[in-house]
Amino acid sequence: MASTPPGQRRLQILQALAEMLEHPKGEKITTAALARKLEFSEAALYRHFASKAQMFEGLIEFIESTVFGLINQIAEKQQDGLAQARDILAMLLHFASSNPGMTRVLIGDALVNEDERLQARMNQFYDRVELALKQALRLAASEGLAHEADVPARAALLVNYVLGCWHRYAKSGFKQNPSQDAPIQIALLLQ
């Protein structure tokens, strides 16, 4: 592994951490366990990340850049506000089902005994998702398809729905797919 470029090594560490998070009943995720999985020393981990919290920040950055990049694409592609909200919700559920380890970060499960600022950052993530949904719902209201007065409550409800689906997925050991029946559920929530 000595010939691996530094940026690639950081990515390998984050991928291994995400894989370890896919096993919620597995061993506690420590830097020693992560180093063993990667077959190199803990010192090598610390050459790329100053702390385990910084590793989790790397996962959160991946989540943020992916999710908000996709939200921006949806907003550009979909001119209809309700379609934007529907597509954002479907994307969030699909992201979790495609990234089980990341789902534990999304719900804060993996951050329980870590630095408090990590959970604060996830709370900001939820706020940004809610803001994107408010924008979509306000667009729908301007199109006469929703009521402006309902926008804040409906956006909060939609975020809570997604969080509930993510929690159920993680707590089922990644067996209860969050995308299952999602089109029907989302349609009911957006009526």
C-alpha atoms as a PDB file:
ATOM      1  CA  MET A   1       0.000   0.000   0.000  1.00  0.00           C
ATOM      2  CA  ALA A   2       3.025   2.300   0.173  1.00  0.00           C
ATOM      3  CA  SER A   3       2.539   3.354  -3.440  1.00  0.00           C
ATOM      4  CA  THR A   4      -1.074   4.514  -2.881  1.00  0.00           C
ATOM      5  CA  PRO A   5      -1.481   8.284  -3.445  1.00  0.00           C
ATOM      6  CA  PRO A   6      -2.455  10.198  -0.255  1.00  0.00           C
ATOM      7  CA  GLY A   7      -5.892  11.280  -1.563  1.00  0.00           C
ATOM      8  CA  GLN A   8      -6.646   7.688  -2.496  1.00  0.00           C
ATOM      9  CA  ARG A   9      -5.603   6.474   0.946  1.00  0.00           C
ATOM     10  CA  ARG A  10      -8.037   8.941   2.604  1.00  0.00           C
ATOM     11  CA  LEU A  11     -10.807   7.583   0.387  1.00  0.00           C
ATOM     12  CA  GLN A  12      -9.882   3.984   1.295  1.00  0.00           C
ATOM     13  CA  ILE A  13     -10.098   4.867   4.986  1.00  0.00           C
ATOM     14  CA  LEU A  14     -13.531   6.463   4.561  1.00  0.00           C
ATOM     15  CA  GLN A  15     -14.799   3.531   2.489  1.00  0.00           C
ATOM     16  CA  ALA A  16     -13.605   1.060   5.120  1.00  0.00           C
ATOM     17  CA  LEU A  17     -15.274   3.113   7.865  1.00  0.00           C
ATOM     18  CA  ALA A  18     -18.546   3.172   5.890  1.00  0.00           C
ATOM     19  CA  GLU A  19     -18.316  -0.613   5.382  1.00  0.00           C
ATOM     20  CA  MET A  20     -17.782  -1.149   9.102  1.00  0.00           C
ATOM     21  CA  LEU A  21     -20.882   0.959   9.809  1.00  0.00           C
ATOM     22  CA  GLU A  22     -22.926  -1.482   7.721  1.00  0.00           C
ATOM     23  CA  HIS A  23     -22.599  -4.024  10.553  1.00  0.00           C
ATOM     24  CA  PRO A  24     -24.466  -2.430  13.460  1.00  0.00           C
ATOM     25  CA  LYS A  25     -24.076  -5.521  15.642  1.00  0.00           C
ATOM     26  CA  GLY A  26     -20.382  -5.873  14.826  1.00  0.00           C
ATOM     27  CA  GLU A  27     -17.453  -4.804  16.922  1.00  0.00           C
ATOM     28  CA  LYS A  28     -17.165  -1.244  18.211  1.00  0.00           C
ATOM     29  CA  ILE A  29     -15.611   0.982  15.598  1.00  0.00           C
ATOM     30  CA  THR A  30     -12.259   2.064  16.930  1.00  0.00           C
ATOM     31  CA  THR A  31      -9.234   3.348  15.089  1.00  0.00           C
ATOM     32  CA  ALA A  32      -7.496   0.067  16.005  1.00  0.00           C
ATOM     33  CA  ALA A  33     -10.305  -1.976  14.401  1.00  0.00           C
ATOM     34  CA  LEU A  34     -10.288   0.289  11.346  1.00  0.00           C
ATOM     35  CA  ALA A  35      -6.504  -0.045  11.010  1.00  0.00           C
ATOM     36  CA  ARG A  36      -6.815  -3.847  11.263  1.00  0.00           C
ATOM     37  CA  LYS A  37      -9.459  -3.873   8.526  1.00  0.00           C
ATOM     38  CA  LEU A  38      -7.200  -1.816   6.266  1.00  0.00           C
ATOM     39  CA  GLU A  39      -4.125  -3.817   7.258  1.00  0.00           C
ATOM     40  CA  PHE A  40      -2.020  -0.889   8.305  1.00  0.00           C
ATOM     41  CA  SER A  41      -1.085   0.883  11.521  1.00  0.00           C
ATOM     42  CA  GLU A  42      -3.148   3.341  13.527  1.00  0.00           C
ATOM     43  CA  ALA A  43      -0.316   5.815  12.944  1.00  0.00           C
ATOM     44  CA  ALA A  44      -1.036   5.542   9.213  1.00  0.00           C
ATOM     45  CA  LEU A  45      -4.664   6.511   9.884  1.00  0.00           C
ATOM     46  CA  TYR A  46      -3.528   9.548  11.825  1.00  0.00           C
ATOM     47  CA  ARG A  47      -1.294  10.683   8.960  1.00  0.00           C
ATOM     48  CA  HIS A  48      -4.501  11.228   6.970  1.00  0.00           C
ATOM     49  CA  PHE A  49      -6.965  12.219   9.701  1.00  0.00           C
ATOM     50  CA  ALA A  50      -6.152  13.987  12.958  1.00  0.00           C
ATOM     51  CA  SER A  51      -8.914  12.104  14.805  1.00  0.00           C
ATOM     52  CA  LYS A  52     -11.767   9.643  14.418  1.00  0.00           C
ATOM     53  CA  ALA A  53     -14.121  12.642  14.507  1.00  0.00           C
ATOM     54  CA  GLN A  54     -12.342  13.978  11.419  1.00  0.00           C
ATOM     55  CA  MET A  55     -12.991  10.634   9.691  1.00  0.00           C
ATOM     56  CA  PHE A  56     -16.698  10.980  10.443  1.00  0.00           C
ATOM     57  CA  GLU A  57     -16.550  14.550   9.141  1.00  0.00           C
ATOM     58  CA  GLY A  58     -15.206  13.114   5.895  1.00  0.00           C
ATOM     59  CA  LEU A  59     -18.250  10.825   5.667  1.00  0.00           C
ATOM     60  CA  ILE A  60     -20.576  13.757   6.435  1.00  0.00           C
ATOM     61  CA  GLU A  61     -18.875  15.829   3.713  1.00  0.00           C
ATOM     62  CA  PHE A  62     -19.468  12.982   1.256  1.00  0.00           C
ATOM     63  CA  ILE A  63     -23.142  12.812   2.278  1.00  0.00           C
ATOM     64  CA  GLU A  64     -23.593  16.584   2.015  1.00  0.00           C
ATOM     65  CA  SER A  65     -21.902  16.957  -1.344  1.00  0.00           C
ATOM     66  CA  THR A  66     -23.779  14.004  -2.824  1.00  0.00           C
ATOM     67  CA  VAL A  67     -27.225  14.829  -1.449  1.00  0.00           C
ATOM     68  CA  PHE A  68     -27.141  18.571  -2.101  1.00  0.00           C
ATOM     69  CA  GLY A  69     -25.614  18.051  -5.539  1.00  0.00           C
ATOM     70  CA  LEU A  70     -28.544  15.768  -6.362  1.00  0.00           C
ATOM     71  CA  ILE A  71     -31.064  18.229  -4.868  1.00  0.00           C
ATOM     72  CA  ASN A  72     -29.644  20.964  -7.102  1.00  0.00           C
ATOM     73  CA  GLN A  73     -29.946  18.674 -10.146  1.00  0.00           C
ATOM     74  CA  ILE A  74     -33.574  17.924  -9.246  1.00  0.00           C
ATOM     75  CA  ALA A  75     -34.357  21.636  -8.849  1.00  0.00           C
ATOM     76  CA  GLU A  76     -32.803  22.391 -12.251  1.00  0.00           C
ATOM     77  CA  LYS A  77     -34.531  19.494 -14.010  1.00  0.00           C
ATOM     78  CA  GLN A  78     -38.000  19.646 -12.444  1.00  0.00           C
ATOM     79  CA  GLN A  79     -40.012  22.805 -13.005  1.00  0.00           C
ATOM     80  CA  ASP A  80     -43.014  21.522 -11.001  1.00  0.00           C
ATOM     81  CA  GLY A  81     -42.721  22.133  -7.235  1.00  0.00           C
ATOM     82  CA  LEU A  82     -44.531  18.983  -6.139  1.00  0.00           C
ATOM     83  CA  ALA A  83     -42.430  16.898  -8.542  1.00  0.00           C
ATOM     84  CA  GLN A  84     -39.307  18.475  -7.024  1.00  0.00           C
ATOM     85  CA  ALA A  85     -40.444  17.564  -3.501  1.00  0.00           C
ATOM     86  CA  ARG A  86     -41.365  14.027  -4.631  1.00  0.00           C
ATOM     87  CA  ASP A  87     -38.004  13.513  -6.342  1.00  0.00           C
ATOM     88  CA  ILE A  88     -36.050  14.912  -3.378  1.00  0.00           C
ATOM     89  CA  LEU A  89     -37.807  12.526  -0.998  1.00  0.00           C
ATOM     90  CA  ALA A  90     -37.296   9.545  -3.310  1.00  0.00           C
ATOM     91  CA  MET A  91     -33.607  10.432  -3.729  1.00  0.00           C
ATOM     92  CA  LEU A  92     -33.084  10.679   0.051  1.00  0.00           C
ATOM     93  CA  LEU A  93     -34.638   7.254   0.592  1.00  0.00           C
ATOM     94  CA  HIS A  94     -32.698   5.719  -2.300  1.00  0.00           C
ATOM     95  CA  PHE A  95     -29.426   7.257  -1.033  1.00  0.00           C
ATOM     96  CA  ALA A  96     -29.924   5.481   2.297  1.00  0.00           C
ATOM     97  CA  SER A  97     -30.793   2.136   0.719  1.00  0.00           C
ATOM     98  CA  SER A  98     -27.689   2.380  -1.487  1.00  0.00           C
ATOM     99  CA  ASN A  99     -25.438   3.412   1.419  1.00  0.00           C
ATOM    100  CA  PRO A 100     -26.393   1.484   4.566  1.00  0.00           C
ATOM    101  CA  GLY A 101     -23.297   2.539   6.494  1.00  0.00           C
ATOM    102  CA  MET A 102     -23.994   6.175   5.698  1.00  0.00           C
ATOM    103  CA  THR A 103     -27.539   5.704   6.990  1.00  0.00           C
ATOM    104  CA  ARG A 104     -26.112   5.170  10.476  1.00  0.00           C
ATOM    105  CA  VAL A 105     -24.372   8.541  10.105  1.00  0.00           C
ATOM    106  CA  LEU A 106     -27.556  10.155   8.740  1.00  0.00           C
ATOM    107  CA  ILE A 107     -29.577   9.125  11.791  1.00  0.00           C
ATOM    108  CA  GLY A 108     -26.761   9.969  14.208  1.00  0.00           C
ATOM    109  CA  ASP A 109     -26.472   6.361  15.390  1.00  0.00           C
ATOM    110  CA  ALA A 110     -22.787   6.169  14.474  1.00  0.00           C
ATOM    111  CA  LEU A 111     -22.096   9.527  16.121  1.00  0.00           C
ATOM    112  CA  VAL A 112     -23.404   8.710  19.608  1.00  0.00           C
ATOM    113  CA  ASN A 113     -20.076   8.600  21.472  1.00  0.00           C
ATOM    114  CA  GLU A 114     -18.265  10.943  19.124  1.00  0.00           C
ATOM    115  CA  ASP A 115     -17.677  14.704  19.176  1.00  0.00           C
ATOM    116  CA  GLU A 116     -20.906  16.695  19.700  1.00  0.00           C
ATOM    117  CA  ARG A 117     -20.128  18.924  16.730  1.00  0.00           C
ATOM    118  CA  LEU A 118     -20.743  15.954  14.416  1.00  0.00           C
ATOM    119  CA  GLN A 119     -24.370  15.651  15.531  1.00  0.00           C
ATOM    120  CA  ALA A 120     -24.714  19.428  15.316  1.00  0.00           C
ATOM    121  CA  ARG A 121     -23.523  19.215  11.726  1.00  0.00           C
ATOM    122  CA  MET A 122     -26.093  16.503  10.972  1.00  0.00           C
ATOM    123  CA  ASN A 123     -28.772  18.751  12.492  1.00  0.00           C
ATOM    124  CA  GLN A 124     -27.688  21.467  10.038  1.00  0.00           C
ATOM    125  CA  PHE A 125     -27.961  18.876   7.268  1.00  0.00           C
ATOM    126  CA  TYR A 126     -31.606  18.173   8.233  1.00  0.00           C
ATOM    127  CA  ASP A 127     -32.290  21.931   8.282  1.00  0.00           C
ATOM    128  CA  ARG A 128     -30.840  22.308   4.784  1.00  0.00           C
ATOM    129  CA  VAL A 129     -32.948  19.389   3.503  1.00  0.00           C
ATOM    130  CA  GLU A 130     -36.022  20.977   5.075  1.00  0.00           C
ATOM    131  CA  LEU A 131     -35.154  24.289   3.416  1.00  0.00           C
ATOM    132  CA  ALA A 132     -34.894  22.571   0.014  1.00  0.00           C
ATOM    133  CA  LEU A 133     -38.314  21.006   0.575  1.00  0.00           C
ATOM    134  CA  LYS A 134     -39.763  24.376   1.619  1.00  0.00           C
ATOM    135  CA  GLN A 135     -38.468  25.889  -1.622  1.00  0.00           C
ATOM    136  CA  ALA A 136     -40.093  23.099  -3.650  1.00  0.00           C
ATOM    137  CA  LEU A 137     -43.366  23.457  -1.739  1.00  0.00           C
ATOM    138  CA  ARG A 138     -43.343  27.247  -2.132  1.00  0.00           C
ATOM    139  CA  LEU A 139     -42.927  26.711  -5.863  1.00  0.00           C
ATOM    140  CA  ALA A 140     -45.916  24.350  -5.743  1.00  0.00           C
ATOM    141  CA  ALA A 141     -47.895  27.013  -3.843  1.00  0.00           C
ATOM    142  CA  SER A 142     -47.040  29.603  -6.502  1.00  0.00           C
ATOM    143  CA  GLU A 143     -48.373  27.126  -9.074  1.00  0.00           C
ATOM    144  CA  GLY A 144     -51.620  26.795  -7.109  1.00  0.00           C
ATOM    145  CA  LEU A 145     -50.848  23.178  -6.118  1.00  0.00           C
ATOM    146  CA  ALA A 146     -50.274  23.766  -2.393  1.00  0.00           C
ATOM    147  CA  HIS A 147     -51.083  26.297   0.309  1.00  0.00           C
ATOM    148  CA  GLU A 148     -48.330  28.721   1.283  1.00  0.00           C
ATOM    149  CA  ALA A 149     -49.438  28.627   4.930  1.00  0.00           C
ATOM    150  CA  ASP A 150     -48.850  24.841   5.033  1.00  0.00           C
ATOM    151  CA  VAL A 151     -45.297  24.967   3.667  1.00  0.00           C
ATOM    152  CA  PRO A 152     -43.316  25.028   6.952  1.00  0.00           C
ATOM    153  CA  ALA A 153     -45.388  22.287   8.615  1.00  0.00           C
ATOM    154  CA  ARG A 154     -45.444  20.090   5.511  1.00  0.00           C
ATOM    155  CA  ALA A 155     -41.679  20.435   4.970  1.00  0.00           C
ATOM    156  CA  ALA A 156     -41.060  19.440   8.608  1.00  0.00           C
ATOM    157  CA  LEU A 157     -43.432  16.482   8.197  1.00  0.00           C
ATOM    158  CA  LEU A 158     -41.572  15.336   5.082  1.00  0.00           C
ATOM    159  CA  VAL A 159     -38.187  15.513   6.834  1.00  0.00           C
ATOM    160  CA  ASN A 160     -39.625  13.553   9.762  1.00  0.00           C
ATOM    161  CA  TYR A 161     -40.970  10.948   7.323  1.00  0.00           C
ATOM    162  CA  VAL A 162     -37.517  10.507   5.764  1.00  0.00           C
ATOM    163  CA  LEU A 163     -35.817  10.312   9.165  1.00  0.00           C
ATOM    164  CA  GLY A 164     -38.362   7.708  10.259  1.00  0.00           C
ATOM    165  CA  CYS A 165     -37.704   5.610   7.152  1.00  0.00           C
ATOM    166  CA  TRP A 166     -33.947   5.883   7.700  1.00  0.00           C
ATOM    167  CA  HIS A 167     -34.302   4.849  11.370  1.00  0.00           C
ATOM    168  CA  ARG A 168     -36.484   1.875  10.519  1.00  0.00           C
ATOM    169  CA  TYR A 169     -33.989   0.793   7.859  1.00  0.00           C
ATOM    170  CA  ALA A 170     -31.023   0.987  10.231  1.00  0.00           C
ATOM    171  CA  LYS A 171     -32.844  -0.570  13.187  1.00  0.00           C
ATOM    172  CA  SER A 172     -34.031  -3.486  11.025  1.00  0.00           C
ATOM    173  CA  GLY A 173     -30.408  -4.367  10.317  1.00  0.00           C
ATOM    174  CA  PHE A 174     -30.847  -2.875   6.817  1.00  0.00           C
ATOM    175  CA  LYS A 175     -33.624  -5.291   5.916  1.00  0.00           C
ATOM    176  CA  GLN A 176     -36.584  -2.853   5.798  1.00  0.00           C
ATOM    177  CA  ASN A 177     -35.795  -1.007   2.559  1.00  0.00           C
ATOM    178  CA  PRO A 178     -36.714   2.689   2.942  1.00  0.00           C
ATOM    179  CA  SER A 179     -37.745   2.868  -0.725  1.00  0.00           C
ATOM    180  CA  GLN A 180     -40.334   0.096  -0.347  1.00  0.00           C
ATOM    181  CA  ASP A 181     -43.802   1.592  -0.919  1.00  0.00           C
ATOM    182  CA  ALA A 182     -42.206   5.054  -1.004  1.00  0.00           C
ATOM    183  CA  PRO A 183     -44.009   6.266  -4.162  1.00  0.00           C
ATOM    184  CA  ILE A 184     -47.421   5.615  -2.558  1.00  0.00           C
ATOM    185  CA  GLN A 185     -46.384   7.072   0.807  1.00  0.00           C
ATOM    186  CA  ILE A 186     -44.875  10.176  -0.794  1.00  0.00           C
ATOM    187  CA  ALA A 187     -47.969  10.689  -2.951  1.00  0.00           C
ATOM    188  CA  LEU A 188     -50.131  10.560   0.197  1.00  0.00           C
ATOM    189  CA  LEU A 189     -47.873  13.057   1.986  1.00  0.00           C
ATOM    190  CA  LEU A 190     -47.926  15.474  -0.954  1.00  0.00           C
ATOM    191  CA  GLN A 191     -51.714  15.410  -1.551  1.00  0.00           C
END
